[in-house]
Amino acid sequence: MDEDWLDIAEVAQRSGLAPSALRFYEKKELIASAGRNGLRRTYHPDVLDRLELITCARDAGFSVAEIGRFLAARPGDPDLRARMAARAGSLDEQIGRLTRLRDSLRHAAVCDHEPIITCPDFKQALGTGPARP
């Protein structure tokens, strides 16, 4: 076995994913093992980058099937590219909502208004109140 390969326990520890998740992703063909060292799966270190992408996509709400299609995308697939562009637009909207929520929570952490959710500055940060001059 190549000494640079990582066994499943090390990949799990370094990625923060359970070994069962790694086996699941392998079954769904999102990752591939490089072989075995005894009974333990081994992986090329590049799998950590791929797992980071998978985890990020899962956190953003992508399904395993969507991630699989994305990972298999080729430049000649215009339908998939259009879906990816549409999804990027949806993510922009989600980022905007989360940014407003973050800003309102930061304000709420220091606000003295009683109750906080009625504070005009809190509402403005959340995007539900009128713009302040």
C-alpha atoms as a PDB file:
ATOM      1  CA  MET A   1       0.000   0.000   0.000  1.00  0.00           C
ATOM      2  CA  ASP A   2       1.194   3.532  -0.800  1.00  0.00           C
ATOM      3  CA  GLU A   3       2.260   5.100   2.491  1.00  0.00           C
ATOM      4  CA  ASP A   4       0.540   8.396   1.578  1.00  0.00           C
ATOM      5  CA  TRP A   5      -2.920   6.841   1.515  1.00  0.00           C
ATOM      6  CA  LEU A   6      -5.239   7.405   4.438  1.00  0.00           C
ATOM      7  CA  ASP A   7      -7.298   4.700   6.069  1.00  0.00           C
ATOM      8  CA  ILE A   8     -10.990   5.209   6.711  1.00  0.00           C
ATOM      9  CA  ALA A   9     -10.468   6.088  10.384  1.00  0.00           C
ATOM     10  CA  GLU A  10      -8.037   8.881   9.521  1.00  0.00           C
ATOM     11  CA  VAL A  11     -10.296  10.241   6.783  1.00  0.00           C
ATOM     12  CA  ALA A  12     -13.217  10.186   9.224  1.00  0.00           C
ATOM     13  CA  GLN A  13     -11.190  11.986  11.882  1.00  0.00           C
ATOM     14  CA  ARG A  14      -9.789  14.607   9.498  1.00  0.00           C
ATOM     15  CA  SER A  15     -13.074  15.249   7.704  1.00  0.00           C
ATOM     16  CA  GLY A  16     -15.277  15.155  10.797  1.00  0.00           C
ATOM     17  CA  LEU A  17     -17.536  12.596   9.126  1.00  0.00           C
ATOM     18  CA  ALA A  18     -18.484   9.211  10.489  1.00  0.00           C
ATOM     19  CA  PRO A  19     -17.049   6.144   8.743  1.00  0.00           C
ATOM     20  CA  SER A  20     -20.630   5.174   7.902  1.00  0.00           C
ATOM     21  CA  ALA A  21     -21.002   8.478   6.009  1.00  0.00           C
ATOM     22  CA  LEU A  22     -17.831   7.727   4.065  1.00  0.00           C
ATOM     23  CA  ARG A  23     -19.143   4.272   3.144  1.00  0.00           C
ATOM     24  CA  PHE A  24     -22.487   5.841   2.150  1.00  0.00           C
ATOM     25  CA  TYR A  25     -20.781   8.433  -0.062  1.00  0.00           C
ATOM     26  CA  GLU A  26     -18.707   5.668  -1.600  1.00  0.00           C
ATOM     27  CA  LYS A  27     -21.848   3.607  -2.283  1.00  0.00           C
ATOM     28  CA  LYS A  28     -23.416   6.677  -3.941  1.00  0.00           C
ATOM     29  CA  GLU A  29     -20.187   7.089  -5.978  1.00  0.00           C
ATOM     30  CA  LEU A  30     -19.397  10.544  -4.616  1.00  0.00           C
ATOM     31  CA  ILE A  31     -15.996   9.291  -3.440  1.00  0.00           C
ATOM     32  CA  ALA A  32     -13.921   6.224  -4.233  1.00  0.00           C
ATOM     33  CA  SER A  33     -11.582   4.245  -2.058  1.00  0.00           C
ATOM     34  CA  ALA A  34      -8.099   3.559  -3.343  1.00  0.00           C
ATOM     35  CA  GLY A  35      -8.162   0.001  -2.070  1.00  0.00           C
ATOM     36  CA  ARG A  36      -7.832  -1.791   1.212  1.00  0.00           C
ATOM     37  CA  ASN A  37      -5.271  -2.252   3.901  1.00  0.00           C
ATOM     38  CA  GLY A  38      -6.447  -5.493   5.415  1.00  0.00           C
ATOM     39  CA  LEU A  39     -10.143  -4.957   6.051  1.00  0.00           C
ATOM     40  CA  ARG A  40      -9.933  -1.168   6.167  1.00  0.00           C
ATOM     41  CA  ARG A  41     -10.685   1.037   3.194  1.00  0.00           C
ATOM     42  CA  THR A  42      -7.921   3.394   2.143  1.00  0.00           C
ATOM     43  CA  TYR A  43      -8.281   6.716   0.364  1.00  0.00           C
ATOM     44  CA  HIS A  44      -6.015   9.059  -1.535  1.00  0.00           C
ATOM     45  CA  PRO A  45      -5.498  12.297   0.453  1.00  0.00           C
ATOM     46  CA  ASP A  46      -7.377  14.230  -2.290  1.00  0.00           C
ATOM     47  CA  VAL A  47     -10.579  12.687  -0.933  1.00  0.00           C
ATOM     48  CA  LEU A  48     -10.461  15.261   1.875  1.00  0.00           C
ATOM     49  CA  ASP A  49     -10.949  18.119  -0.619  1.00  0.00           C
ATOM     50  CA  ARG A  50     -13.829  16.268  -2.251  1.00  0.00           C
ATOM     51  CA  LEU A  51     -15.423  15.617   1.145  1.00  0.00           C
ATOM     52  CA  GLU A  52     -15.111  19.315   2.001  1.00  0.00           C
ATOM     53  CA  LEU A  53     -16.994  20.146  -1.200  1.00  0.00           C
ATOM     54  CA  ILE A  54     -19.639  17.508  -0.440  1.00  0.00           C
ATOM     55  CA  THR A  55     -20.072  18.765   3.128  1.00  0.00           C
ATOM     56  CA  CYS A  56     -20.350  22.370   1.954  1.00  0.00           C
ATOM     57  CA  ALA A  57     -22.961  21.406  -0.654  1.00  0.00           C
ATOM     58  CA  ARG A  58     -24.924  19.360   1.896  1.00  0.00           C
ATOM     59  CA  ASP A  59     -24.852  22.300   4.331  1.00  0.00           C
ATOM     60  CA  ALA A  60     -26.220  24.493   1.525  1.00  0.00           C
ATOM     61  CA  GLY A  61     -29.153  22.122   1.071  1.00  0.00           C
ATOM     62  CA  PHE A  62     -28.023  20.082  -1.911  1.00  0.00           C
ATOM     63  CA  SER A  63     -29.220  16.485  -2.027  1.00  0.00           C
ATOM     64  CA  VAL A  64     -26.793  13.615  -2.508  1.00  0.00           C
ATOM     65  CA  ALA A  65     -28.242  13.109  -6.008  1.00  0.00           C
ATOM     66  CA  GLU A  66     -27.662  16.787  -6.876  1.00  0.00           C
ATOM     67  CA  ILE A  67     -24.098  16.590  -5.596  1.00  0.00           C
ATOM     68  CA  GLY A  68     -23.513  13.465  -7.667  1.00  0.00           C
ATOM     69  CA  ARG A  69     -24.742  15.220 -10.815  1.00  0.00           C
ATOM     70  CA  PHE A  70     -22.582  18.239 -10.029  1.00  0.00           C
ATOM     71  CA  LEU A  71     -19.469  16.108  -9.495  1.00  0.00           C
ATOM     72  CA  ALA A  72     -20.085  14.333 -12.798  1.00  0.00           C
ATOM     73  CA  ALA A  73     -20.771  17.564 -14.745  1.00  0.00           C
ATOM     74  CA  ARG A  74     -18.979  18.065 -18.032  1.00  0.00           C
ATOM     75  CA  PRO A  75     -18.712  21.241 -20.100  1.00  0.00           C
ATOM     76  CA  GLY A  76     -21.007  19.775 -22.778  1.00  0.00           C
ATOM     77  CA  ASP A  77     -24.040  19.416 -20.479  1.00  0.00           C
ATOM     78  CA  PRO A  78     -26.034  22.656 -20.972  1.00  0.00           C
ATOM     79  CA  ASP A  79     -29.072  21.481 -18.963  1.00  0.00           C
ATOM     80  CA  LEU A  80     -26.969  20.725 -15.917  1.00  0.00           C
ATOM     81  CA  ARG A  81     -25.143  24.023 -16.300  1.00  0.00           C
ATOM     82  CA  ALA A  82     -28.478  25.878 -16.396  1.00  0.00           C
ATOM     83  CA  ARG A  83     -29.610  24.087 -13.217  1.00  0.00           C
ATOM     84  CA  MET A  84     -26.304  24.952 -11.553  1.00  0.00           C
ATOM     85  CA  ALA A  85     -26.722  28.642 -12.496  1.00  0.00           C
ATOM     86  CA  ALA A  86     -30.284  28.639 -11.136  1.00  0.00           C
ATOM     87  CA  ARG A  87     -29.095  27.037  -7.927  1.00  0.00           C
ATOM     88  CA  ALA A  88     -26.379  29.688  -7.617  1.00  0.00           C
ATOM     89  CA  GLY A  89     -29.125  32.327  -7.784  1.00  0.00           C
ATOM     90  CA  SER A  90     -31.048  30.545  -5.032  1.00  0.00           C
ATOM     91  CA  LEU A  91     -27.899  30.470  -2.920  1.00  0.00           C
ATOM     92  CA  ASP A  92     -27.459  34.217  -3.425  1.00  0.00           C
ATOM     93  CA  GLU A  93     -30.969  34.739  -2.044  1.00  0.00           C
ATOM     94  CA  GLN A  94     -30.252  32.432   0.890  1.00  0.00           C
ATOM     95  CA  ILE A  95     -26.988  34.255   1.599  1.00  0.00           C
ATOM     96  CA  GLY A  96     -28.871  37.558   1.642  1.00  0.00           C
ATOM     97  CA  ARG A  97     -31.415  36.217   4.145  1.00  0.00           C
ATOM     98  CA  LEU A  98     -28.697  34.733   6.344  1.00  0.00           C
ATOM     99  CA  THR A  99     -26.689  37.968   6.213  1.00  0.00           C
ATOM    100  CA  ARG A 100     -29.721  39.945   7.365  1.00  0.00           C
ATOM    101  CA  LEU A 101     -30.332  37.435  10.149  1.00  0.00           C
ATOM    102  CA  ARG A 102     -26.683  37.636  11.232  1.00  0.00           C
ATOM    103  CA  ASP A 103     -26.814  41.420  11.300  1.00  0.00           C
ATOM    104  CA  SER A 104     -30.021  41.435  13.322  1.00  0.00           C
ATOM    105  CA  LEU A 105     -28.596  38.936  15.819  1.00  0.00           C
ATOM    106  CA  ARG A 106     -25.481  41.057  16.243  1.00  0.00           C
ATOM    107  CA  HIS A 107     -27.696  44.046  16.965  1.00  0.00           C
ATOM    108  CA  ALA A 108     -29.890  42.026  19.339  1.00  0.00           C
ATOM    109  CA  ALA A 109     -26.814  40.989  21.310  1.00  0.00           C
ATOM    110  CA  VAL A 110     -26.250  44.610  22.378  1.00  0.00           C
ATOM    111  CA  CYS A 111     -29.753  46.099  22.101  1.00  0.00           C
ATOM    112  CA  ASP A 112     -31.517  47.509  25.177  1.00  0.00           C
ATOM    113  CA  HIS A 113     -34.935  47.750  23.516  1.00  0.00           C
ATOM    114  CA  GLU A 114     -37.729  45.908  25.326  1.00  0.00           C
ATOM    115  CA  PRO A 115     -38.607  43.468  23.721  1.00  0.00           C
ATOM    116  CA  ILE A 116     -35.732  43.223  21.265  1.00  0.00           C
ATOM    117  CA  ILE A 117     -37.834  42.032  18.334  1.00  0.00           C
ATOM    118  CA  THR A 118     -39.786  45.311  18.342  1.00  0.00           C
ATOM    119  CA  CYS A 119     -36.626  47.413  18.077  1.00  0.00           C
ATOM    120  CA  PRO A 120     -36.651  49.445  14.829  1.00  0.00           C
ATOM    121  CA  ASP A 121     -32.909  48.855  14.315  1.00  0.00           C
ATOM    122  CA  PHE A 122     -33.379  45.116  14.816  1.00  0.00           C
ATOM    123  CA  LYS A 123     -36.217  45.098  12.292  1.00  0.00           C
ATOM    124  CA  GLN A 124     -34.178  47.100   9.807  1.00  0.00           C
ATOM    125  CA  ALA A 125     -31.223  44.723  10.125  1.00  0.00           C
ATOM    126  CA  LEU A 126     -33.581  41.818   9.543  1.00  0.00           C
ATOM    127  CA  GLY A 127     -34.997  43.550   6.506  1.00  0.00           C
ATOM    128  CA  THR A 128     -38.545  43.842   7.878  1.00  0.00           C
ATOM    129  CA  GLY A 129     -38.454  47.441   9.054  1.00  0.00           C
ATOM    130  CA  PRO A 130     -38.351  50.727   7.155  1.00  0.00           C
ATOM    131  CA  ALA A 131     -34.997  51.967   5.955  1.00  0.00           C
ATOM    132  CA  ARG A 132     -33.489  54.525   8.298  1.00  0.00           C
ATOM    133  CA  PRO A 133     -32.315  57.847   6.877  1.00  0.00           C
END
